[in-house]
Amino acid sequence: MDVQLIEVKPYIYQTETLPKNHSSFEYYLLQISPVQGLAWVKSIGNTITTNPYGVELKGAFDDMKDKLDRIYGKPELIDFLMYDSDWNEPRDWMQAVHNGERSLAARWKHSSQNSIPSDLESIFLYVGADDTYNGYIAIEYAFDNYSASNQEIAMQEDDAL
């Protein structure tokens, strides 16, 4: 299989296909640095049409979380609304996500409660919103060289100063 990578910003590449694809995802982002190589893969989900309460988006999140639970074990669940958010009513759920004032995510890290592969640092499932009626789920797989890759990229960017 030929994977076509398009550089969307320094060291971040986009592709519509990977050697293993999943129908829930529209495209993939990859961080690849010159020395460390592949540091993370982010799978960006298909657009999910929902209502302002986010019912369908929450359902898609729960379905994917359950699938990942069966593979990797129990995650840390993050369901958070900023303290001073004006978007604090149930009908404001999507607007709060869109504004970055609400988070719904699950994170798997090495612990006795899960079994992520040793070459992964973490797996992060989260929701995003394009507007009040359209959202998506995404999964980020960060490899064990994630921190080193970020340091490498930061040093290369600092050399341009």
N, C-alpha and C. Protein backbone atom coordinates (compact mmCIF):
# COMPACT_ATOMS: atom_id res chain seq x y z
N MET A 1 0.84 -1.19 0.00
CA MET A 1 0.00 0.00 0.00
C MET A 1 0.88 1.24 0.00
N ASP A 2 0.56 2.17 -0.84
CA ASP A 2 1.28 3.43 -0.95
C ASP A 2 0.60 4.47 -0.07
N VAL A 3 1.30 4.96 0.94
CA VAL A 3 0.77 6.00 1.82
C VAL A 3 1.31 7.34 1.33
N GLN A 4 0.41 8.25 0.97
CA GLN A 4 0.80 9.57 0.49
C GLN A 4 0.75 10.56 1.67
N LEU A 5 1.88 11.15 1.99
CA LEU A 5 1.98 12.10 3.10
C LEU A 5 2.07 13.52 2.54
N ILE A 6 1.29 14.41 3.13
CA ILE A 6 1.34 15.84 2.80
C ILE A 6 1.77 16.58 4.06
N GLU A 7 2.85 17.35 3.98
CA GLU A 7 3.30 18.11 5.14
C GLU A 7 2.37 19.31 5.32
N VAL A 8 1.65 19.35 6.47
CA VAL A 8 0.70 20.43 6.72
C VAL A 8 1.31 21.53 7.60
N LYS A 9 2.35 21.21 8.33
CA LYS A 9 3.19 22.17 9.02
C LYS A 9 4.47 21.43 9.37
N PRO A 10 5.50 22.12 9.82
CA PRO A 10 6.78 21.43 10.02
C PRO A 10 6.64 20.18 10.89
N TYR A 11 7.06 19.05 10.32
CA TYR A 11 7.10 17.75 10.98
C TYR A 11 5.74 17.11 11.22
N ILE A 12 4.66 17.73 10.74
CA ILE A 12 3.32 17.18 10.85
C ILE A 12 2.83 16.86 9.44
N TYR A 13 2.44 15.62 9.24
CA TYR A 13 2.03 15.14 7.92
C TYR A 13 0.60 14.61 8.00
N GLN A 14 -0.12 14.76 6.91
CA GLN A 14 -1.50 14.28 6.81
C GLN A 14 -1.58 13.21 5.73
N THR A 15 -2.41 12.21 5.99
CA THR A 15 -2.68 11.17 5.00
C THR A 15 -4.11 10.68 5.18
N GLU A 16 -4.68 10.18 4.11
CA GLU A 16 -6.03 9.62 4.18
C GLU A 16 -6.00 8.12 4.40
N THR A 17 -4.84 7.51 4.26
CA THR A 17 -4.74 6.07 4.43
C THR A 17 -3.51 5.71 5.26
N LEU A 18 -3.63 4.61 5.97
CA LEU A 18 -2.52 3.99 6.69
C LEU A 18 -2.53 2.51 6.33
N PRO A 19 -1.49 1.78 6.68
CA PRO A 19 -1.54 0.34 6.40
C PRO A 19 -2.78 -0.35 7.00
N LYS A 20 -3.25 0.15 8.13
CA LYS A 20 -4.49 -0.34 8.72
C LYS A 20 -5.41 0.86 8.93
N ASN A 21 -6.54 0.89 8.21
CA ASN A 21 -7.51 1.98 8.33
C ASN A 21 -8.72 1.52 9.13
N HIS A 22 -9.46 2.48 9.65
CA HIS A 22 -10.72 2.21 10.35
C HIS A 22 -11.77 3.14 9.74
N SER A 23 -12.95 2.62 9.50
CA SER A 23 -13.99 3.39 8.81
C SER A 23 -14.49 4.59 9.61
N SER A 24 -14.19 4.67 10.90
CA SER A 24 -14.63 5.81 11.71
C SER A 24 -13.79 7.06 11.49
N PHE A 25 -12.67 6.91 10.77
CA PHE A 25 -11.73 8.02 10.65
C PHE A 25 -11.59 8.51 9.22
N GLU A 26 -11.59 9.83 9.09
CA GLU A 26 -11.52 10.49 7.78
C GLU A 26 -10.08 10.64 7.29
N TYR A 27 -9.18 11.00 8.22
CA TYR A 27 -7.78 11.17 7.84
C TYR A 27 -6.91 11.03 9.09
N TYR A 28 -5.61 11.03 8.88
CA TYR A 28 -4.65 10.79 9.95
C TYR A 28 -3.57 11.87 9.90
N LEU A 29 -3.10 12.27 11.06
CA LEU A 29 -1.96 13.18 11.19
C LEU A 29 -0.83 12.41 11.85
N LEU A 30 0.39 12.67 11.41
CA LEU A 30 1.56 11.98 11.96
C LEU A 30 2.64 13.02 12.26
N GLN A 31 3.28 12.88 13.40
CA GLN A 31 4.46 13.71 13.71
C GLN A 31 5.68 12.84 13.44
N ILE A 32 6.51 13.31 12.52
CA ILE A 32 7.71 12.57 12.14
C ILE A 32 8.88 13.55 12.18
N SER A 33 9.82 13.31 13.07
CA SER A 33 11.00 14.17 13.15
C SER A 33 12.19 13.46 12.50
N PRO A 34 13.21 14.21 12.06
CA PRO A 34 14.32 13.61 11.32
C PRO A 34 15.08 12.52 12.08
N VAL A 35 15.31 12.71 13.36
CA VAL A 35 16.09 11.73 14.13
C VAL A 35 15.19 10.72 14.82
N GLN A 36 14.17 11.19 15.51
CA GLN A 36 13.31 10.30 16.30
C GLN A 36 12.33 9.51 15.44
N GLY A 37 12.01 10.01 14.26
CA GLY A 37 11.06 9.31 13.40
C GLY A 37 9.63 9.54 13.86
N LEU A 38 8.78 8.55 13.67
CA LEU A 38 7.36 8.66 14.00
C LEU A 38 7.18 8.75 15.51
N ALA A 39 6.52 9.84 15.98
CA ALA A 39 6.33 10.06 17.41
C ALA A 39 4.87 9.92 17.83
N TRP A 40 3.95 10.30 16.94
CA TRP A 40 2.52 10.09 17.23
C TRP A 40 1.71 10.01 15.95
N VAL A 41 0.58 9.33 16.10
CA VAL A 41 -0.41 9.22 15.03
C VAL A 41 -1.73 9.68 15.62
N LYS A 42 -2.37 10.61 14.94
CA LYS A 42 -3.67 11.11 15.38
C LYS A 42 -4.69 10.75 14.31
N SER A 43 -5.71 9.98 14.70
CA SER A 43 -6.79 9.58 13.80
C SER A 43 -7.95 10.55 13.99
N ILE A 44 -8.32 11.27 12.94
CA ILE A 44 -9.38 12.27 13.01
C ILE A 44 -10.66 11.67 12.43
N GLY A 45 -11.70 11.66 13.24
CA GLY A 45 -12.93 10.99 12.88
C GLY A 45 -13.76 11.70 11.82
N ASN A 46 -14.65 10.92 11.22
CA ASN A 46 -15.64 11.45 10.29
C ASN A 46 -16.55 12.43 11.03
N THR A 47 -17.12 13.38 10.30
CA THR A 47 -18.04 14.34 10.90
C THR A 47 -19.28 13.61 11.40
N ILE A 48 -19.67 13.94 12.62
CA ILE A 48 -20.86 13.37 13.25
C ILE A 48 -21.85 14.50 13.43
N THR A 49 -22.99 14.39 12.76
CA THR A 49 -24.04 15.39 12.91
C THR A 49 -24.80 15.08 14.20
N THR A 50 -25.02 16.10 15.01
CA THR A 50 -25.62 15.90 16.32
C THR A 50 -26.52 17.08 16.65
N ASN A 51 -27.02 17.13 17.86
CA ASN A 51 -27.82 18.26 18.31
C ASN A 51 -26.99 19.06 19.31
N PRO A 52 -27.48 20.21 19.77
CA PRO A 52 -26.68 21.03 20.70
C PRO A 52 -26.32 20.32 22.01
N TYR A 53 -27.06 19.25 22.34
CA TYR A 53 -26.76 18.47 23.54
C TYR A 53 -25.60 17.49 23.30
N GLY A 54 -25.23 17.28 22.04
CA GLY A 54 -24.13 16.39 21.70
C GLY A 54 -24.45 14.91 21.81
N VAL A 55 -25.71 14.54 21.73
CA VAL A 55 -26.12 13.16 21.98
C VAL A 55 -25.39 12.17 21.08
N GLU A 56 -25.41 12.39 19.78
CA GLU A 56 -24.76 11.47 18.84
C GLU A 56 -23.25 11.45 19.01
N LEU A 57 -22.66 12.59 19.28
CA LEU A 57 -21.22 12.66 19.48
C LEU A 57 -20.81 11.92 20.75
N LYS A 58 -21.54 12.12 21.82
CA LYS A 58 -21.27 11.39 23.06
C LYS A 58 -21.41 9.89 22.83
N GLY A 59 -22.43 9.49 22.06
CA GLY A 59 -22.63 8.08 21.75
C GLY A 59 -21.46 7.49 20.98
N ALA A 60 -20.96 8.23 19.99
CA ALA A 60 -19.81 7.76 19.21
C ALA A 60 -18.57 7.66 20.10
N PHE A 61 -18.39 8.63 21.00
CA PHE A 61 -17.28 8.59 21.95
C PHE A 61 -17.39 7.35 22.83
N ASP A 62 -18.56 7.11 23.39
CA ASP A 62 -18.76 5.95 24.27
C ASP A 62 -18.51 4.64 23.53
N ASP A 63 -18.99 4.54 22.29
CA ASP A 63 -18.78 3.33 21.50
C ASP A 63 -17.29 3.08 21.26
N MET A 64 -16.56 4.12 20.88
CA MET A 64 -15.13 3.95 20.63
C MET A 64 -14.38 3.67 21.93
N LYS A 65 -14.76 4.34 23.00
CA LYS A 65 -14.13 4.09 24.30
C LYS A 65 -14.32 2.63 24.72
N ASP A 66 -15.52 2.09 24.51
CA ASP A 66 -15.78 0.69 24.85
C ASP A 66 -14.89 -0.25 24.03
N LYS A 67 -14.71 0.06 22.75
CA LYS A 67 -13.82 -0.77 21.91
C LYS A 67 -12.39 -0.72 22.42
N LEU A 68 -11.92 0.48 22.75
CA LEU A 68 -10.56 0.63 23.25
C LEU A 68 -10.42 0.01 24.64
N ASP A 69 -11.48 0.08 25.47
CA ASP A 69 -11.47 -0.57 26.80
C ASP A 69 -11.20 -2.06 26.66
N ARG A 70 -11.86 -2.70 25.69
CA ARG A 70 -11.71 -4.14 25.50
C ARG A 70 -10.28 -4.50 25.08
N ILE A 71 -9.62 -3.60 24.39
CA ILE A 71 -8.26 -3.87 23.93
C ILE A 71 -7.22 -3.50 24.99
N TYR A 72 -7.36 -2.30 25.59
CA TYR A 72 -6.30 -1.75 26.43
C TYR A 72 -6.62 -1.70 27.92
N GLY A 73 -7.86 -1.95 28.32
CA GLY A 73 -8.21 -1.88 29.73
C GLY A 73 -8.85 -0.54 30.07
N LYS A 74 -8.95 -0.26 31.35
CA LYS A 74 -9.65 0.94 31.82
C LYS A 74 -8.81 2.20 31.67
N PRO A 75 -9.42 3.26 31.11
CA PRO A 75 -8.71 4.53 30.97
C PRO A 75 -9.04 5.47 32.13
N GLU A 76 -8.35 6.58 32.15
CA GLU A 76 -8.74 7.71 33.00
C GLU A 76 -9.76 8.50 32.19
N LEU A 77 -10.93 8.75 32.74
CA LEU A 77 -11.98 9.49 32.05
C LEU A 77 -11.88 10.97 32.42
N ILE A 78 -11.96 11.84 31.43
CA ILE A 78 -11.89 13.29 31.64
C ILE A 78 -13.18 13.88 31.08
N ASP A 79 -14.02 14.40 31.95
CA ASP A 79 -15.27 15.03 31.55
C ASP A 79 -15.34 16.32 32.36
N PHE A 80 -14.98 17.42 31.71
CA PHE A 80 -14.69 18.65 32.44
C PHE A 80 -15.31 19.86 31.75
N LEU A 81 -15.94 20.71 32.53
CA LEU A 81 -16.42 22.01 32.07
C LEU A 81 -15.69 23.07 32.87
N MET A 82 -15.12 24.06 32.18
CA MET A 82 -14.41 25.13 32.88
C MET A 82 -15.34 25.82 33.88
N TYR A 83 -14.80 26.16 35.01
CA TYR A 83 -15.55 26.71 36.13
C TYR A 83 -16.39 27.92 35.73
N ASP A 84 -15.83 28.83 34.97
CA ASP A 84 -16.52 30.09 34.67
C ASP A 84 -17.19 30.11 33.30
N SER A 85 -17.41 28.92 32.72
CA SER A 85 -18.01 28.86 31.38
C SER A 85 -19.45 29.38 31.38
N ASP A 86 -19.76 30.18 30.37
CA ASP A 86 -21.15 30.62 30.18
C ASP A 86 -21.99 29.52 29.53
N TRP A 87 -21.33 28.50 28.99
CA TRP A 87 -22.00 27.43 28.26
C TRP A 87 -22.19 26.23 29.17
N ASN A 88 -22.92 26.42 30.28
CA ASN A 88 -23.01 25.40 31.31
C ASN A 88 -24.35 24.67 31.38
N GLU A 89 -25.25 24.94 30.45
CA GLU A 89 -26.53 24.23 30.40
C GLU A 89 -26.37 23.00 29.51
N PRO A 90 -27.16 21.94 29.72
CA PRO A 90 -27.06 20.75 28.87
C PRO A 90 -27.20 21.07 27.38
N ARG A 91 -28.05 22.02 27.01
CA ARG A 91 -28.23 22.36 25.59
C ARG A 91 -27.02 23.12 25.03
N ASP A 92 -26.08 23.51 25.87
CA ASP A 92 -24.87 24.23 25.47
C ASP A 92 -23.66 23.31 25.29
N TRP A 93 -23.88 22.01 25.40
CA TRP A 93 -22.76 21.07 25.43
C TRP A 93 -21.85 21.23 24.21
N MET A 94 -22.41 21.21 23.01
CA MET A 94 -21.60 21.32 21.80
C MET A 94 -20.91 22.68 21.70
N GLN A 95 -21.60 23.74 22.08
CA GLN A 95 -20.99 25.07 22.02
C GLN A 95 -19.80 25.15 22.96
N ALA A 96 -19.93 24.55 24.14
CA ALA A 96 -18.82 24.55 25.09
C ALA A 96 -17.62 23.78 24.55
N VAL A 97 -17.87 22.64 23.89
CA VAL A 97 -16.78 21.88 23.27
C VAL A 97 -16.13 22.72 22.18
N HIS A 98 -16.95 23.31 21.33
CA HIS A 98 -16.46 24.14 20.23
C HIS A 98 -15.60 25.30 20.73
N ASN A 99 -15.98 25.89 21.84
CA ASN A 99 -15.25 27.03 22.41
C ASN A 99 -14.04 26.62 23.24
N GLY A 100 -13.81 25.32 23.39
CA GLY A 100 -12.69 24.85 24.19
C GLY A 100 -12.92 24.95 25.68
N GLU A 101 -14.17 25.07 26.09
CA GLU A 101 -14.49 25.20 27.50
C GLU A 101 -14.97 23.89 28.12
N ARG A 102 -15.19 22.87 27.31
CA ARG A 102 -15.59 21.55 27.79
C ARG A 102 -14.70 20.50 27.14
N SER A 103 -14.33 19.50 27.94
CA SER A 103 -13.53 18.38 27.46
C SER A 103 -14.24 17.08 27.78
N LEU A 104 -14.23 16.18 26.84
CA LEU A 104 -14.65 14.80 27.07
C LEU A 104 -13.56 13.95 26.43
N ALA A 105 -12.87 13.18 27.26
CA ALA A 105 -11.72 12.42 26.77
C ALA A 105 -11.50 11.20 27.65
N ALA A 106 -10.71 10.29 27.13
CA ALA A 106 -10.24 9.12 27.88
C ALA A 106 -8.77 8.95 27.58
N ARG A 107 -7.98 8.65 28.62
CA ARG A 107 -6.53 8.51 28.44
C ARG A 107 -6.06 7.19 29.04
N TRP A 108 -5.32 6.46 28.22
CA TRP A 108 -4.70 5.23 28.66
C TRP A 108 -3.21 5.48 28.78
N LYS A 109 -2.66 5.20 29.97
CA LYS A 109 -1.22 5.25 30.20
C LYS A 109 -0.85 3.94 30.88
N HIS A 110 0.42 3.66 30.96
CA HIS A 110 0.85 2.41 31.60
C HIS A 110 0.43 2.41 33.07
N SER A 111 -0.32 1.38 33.44
CA SER A 111 -0.73 1.21 34.84
C SER A 111 -1.17 -0.23 35.02
N SER A 112 -1.53 -0.57 36.24
CA SER A 112 -2.00 -1.93 36.52
C SER A 112 -3.41 -2.16 35.98
N GLN A 113 -4.12 -1.08 35.60
CA GLN A 113 -5.49 -1.20 35.11
C GLN A 113 -5.58 -1.36 33.60
N ASN A 114 -4.48 -1.21 32.90
CA ASN A 114 -4.56 -1.33 31.44
C ASN A 114 -3.33 -2.05 30.89
N SER A 115 -3.38 -2.34 29.62
CA SER A 115 -2.30 -3.10 28.99
C SER A 115 -1.96 -2.50 27.63
N ILE A 116 -1.48 -1.24 27.64
CA ILE A 116 -1.08 -0.66 26.36
C ILE A 116 0.31 -1.19 26.00
N PRO A 117 0.61 -1.30 24.71
CA PRO A 117 1.91 -1.83 24.28
C PRO A 117 3.07 -1.01 24.84
N SER A 118 4.18 -1.68 25.06
CA SER A 118 5.32 -1.03 25.69
C SER A 118 5.92 0.09 24.85
N ASP A 119 5.70 0.07 23.52
CA ASP A 119 6.26 1.14 22.68
C ASP A 119 5.37 2.37 22.61
N LEU A 120 4.24 2.36 23.33
CA LEU A 120 3.35 3.52 23.40
C LEU A 120 3.50 4.21 24.75
N GLU A 121 3.52 5.53 24.72
CA GLU A 121 3.50 6.31 25.96
C GLU A 121 2.07 6.46 26.45
N SER A 122 1.14 6.73 25.50
CA SER A 122 -0.26 6.92 25.88
C SER A 122 -1.16 6.80 24.66
N ILE A 123 -2.44 6.63 24.95
CA ILE A 123 -3.50 6.66 23.95
C ILE A 123 -4.52 7.65 24.48
N PHE A 124 -4.97 8.56 23.63
CA PHE A 124 -5.86 9.64 24.07
C PHE A 124 -7.03 9.73 23.10
N LEU A 125 -8.24 9.44 23.57
CA LEU A 125 -9.47 9.56 22.80
C LEU A 125 -10.18 10.82 23.25
N TYR A 126 -10.65 11.63 22.31
CA TYR A 126 -11.33 12.86 22.70
C TYR A 126 -12.36 13.27 21.65
N VAL A 127 -13.22 14.22 22.03
CA VAL A 127 -14.21 14.78 21.10
C VAL A 127 -13.78 16.19 20.72
N GLY A 128 -14.21 16.59 19.52
CA GLY A 128 -14.01 17.96 19.04
C GLY A 128 -15.30 18.41 18.37
N ALA A 129 -15.47 19.71 18.23
CA ALA A 129 -16.67 20.25 17.59
C ALA A 129 -16.29 21.28 16.54
N ASP A 130 -16.87 21.14 15.36
CA ASP A 130 -16.69 22.13 14.30
C ASP A 130 -17.65 23.29 14.49
N ASP A 131 -18.82 23.01 15.06
CA ASP A 131 -19.84 24.00 15.36
C ASP A 131 -20.85 23.34 16.30
N THR A 132 -22.02 23.94 16.48
CA THR A 132 -23.00 23.42 17.43
C THR A 132 -23.66 22.13 16.98
N TYR A 133 -23.57 21.80 15.69
CA TYR A 133 -24.26 20.62 15.17
C TYR A 133 -23.34 19.57 14.54
N ASN A 134 -22.06 19.81 14.51
CA ASN A 134 -21.12 18.89 13.88
C ASN A 134 -19.87 18.71 14.74
N GLY A 135 -19.53 17.46 14.98
CA GLY A 135 -18.35 17.16 15.78
C GLY A 135 -17.65 15.93 15.26
N TYR A 136 -16.66 15.47 16.00
CA TYR A 136 -15.88 14.30 15.60
C TYR A 136 -15.21 13.72 16.83
N ILE A 137 -14.77 12.50 16.71
CA ILE A 137 -13.91 11.91 17.72
C ILE A 137 -12.51 11.79 17.12
N ALA A 138 -11.52 11.73 17.97
CA ALA A 138 -10.14 11.55 17.51
C ALA A 138 -9.39 10.69 18.52
N ILE A 139 -8.41 9.98 18.02
CA ILE A 139 -7.54 9.17 18.88
C ILE A 139 -6.11 9.53 18.56
N GLU A 140 -5.33 9.79 19.60
CA GLU A 140 -3.90 10.05 19.43
C GLU A 140 -3.12 8.93 20.10
N TYR A 141 -2.26 8.29 19.32
CA TYR A 141 -1.33 7.27 19.83
C TYR A 141 0.04 7.92 19.92
N ALA A 142 0.52 8.16 21.13
CA ALA A 142 1.85 8.75 21.33
C ALA A 142 2.84 7.64 21.66
N PHE A 143 3.92 7.57 20.86
CA PHE A 143 4.91 6.52 21.05
C PHE A 143 5.90 6.90 22.14
N ASP A 144 6.73 5.95 22.54
CA ASP A 144 7.65 6.17 23.66
C ASP A 144 8.74 7.20 23.34
N ASN A 145 8.86 7.63 22.09
CA ASN A 145 9.83 8.67 21.73
C ASN A 145 9.17 10.06 21.60
N TYR A 146 7.94 10.18 22.07
CA TYR A 146 7.15 11.41 21.94
C TYR A 146 7.88 12.63 22.53
N SER A 147 8.35 12.51 23.76
CA SER A 147 9.04 13.65 24.41
C SER A 147 10.34 13.99 23.70
N ALA A 148 11.10 12.98 23.34
CA ALA A 148 12.36 13.22 22.64
C ALA A 148 12.12 13.87 21.28
N SER A 149 11.08 13.47 20.60
CA SER A 149 10.74 14.06 19.31
C SER A 149 10.37 15.54 19.46
N ASN A 150 9.56 15.84 20.48
CA ASN A 150 9.19 17.24 20.73
C ASN A 150 10.41 18.08 21.05
N GLN A 151 11.35 17.54 21.82
CA GLN A 151 12.59 18.27 22.13
C GLN A 151 13.42 18.50 20.87
N GLU A 152 13.50 17.48 20.03
CA GLU A 152 14.24 17.60 18.78
C GLU A 152 13.65 18.70 17.90
N ILE A 153 12.33 18.71 17.78
CA ILE A 153 11.66 19.73 16.95
C ILE A 153 11.85 21.11 17.55
N ALA A 154 11.73 21.25 18.86
CA ALA A 154 11.92 22.54 19.51
C ALA A 154 13.34 23.07 19.28
N MET A 155 14.34 22.18 19.37
CA MET A 155 15.73 22.60 19.15
C MET A 155 15.93 23.06 17.71
N GLN A 156 15.34 22.36 16.77
CA GLN A 156 15.48 22.74 15.36
C GLN A 156 14.80 24.08 15.09
N GLU A 157 13.63 24.29 15.71
CA GLU A 157 12.94 25.57 15.54
C GLU A 157 13.73 26.71 16.19
N ASP A 158 14.32 26.44 17.36
CA ASP A 158 15.13 27.46 18.04
C ASP A 158 16.36 27.84 17.24
N ASP A 159 16.88 26.92 16.44
CA ASP A 159 18.05 27.22 15.60
C ASP A 159 17.71 28.28 14.54
N ALA A 160 16.42 28.47 14.26
CA ALA A 160 16.01 29.47 13.27
C ALA A 160 15.95 30.88 13.85
N LEU A 161 16.10 30.99 15.16
CA LEU A 161 16.02 32.32 15.80
C LEU A 161 17.28 33.12 15.61
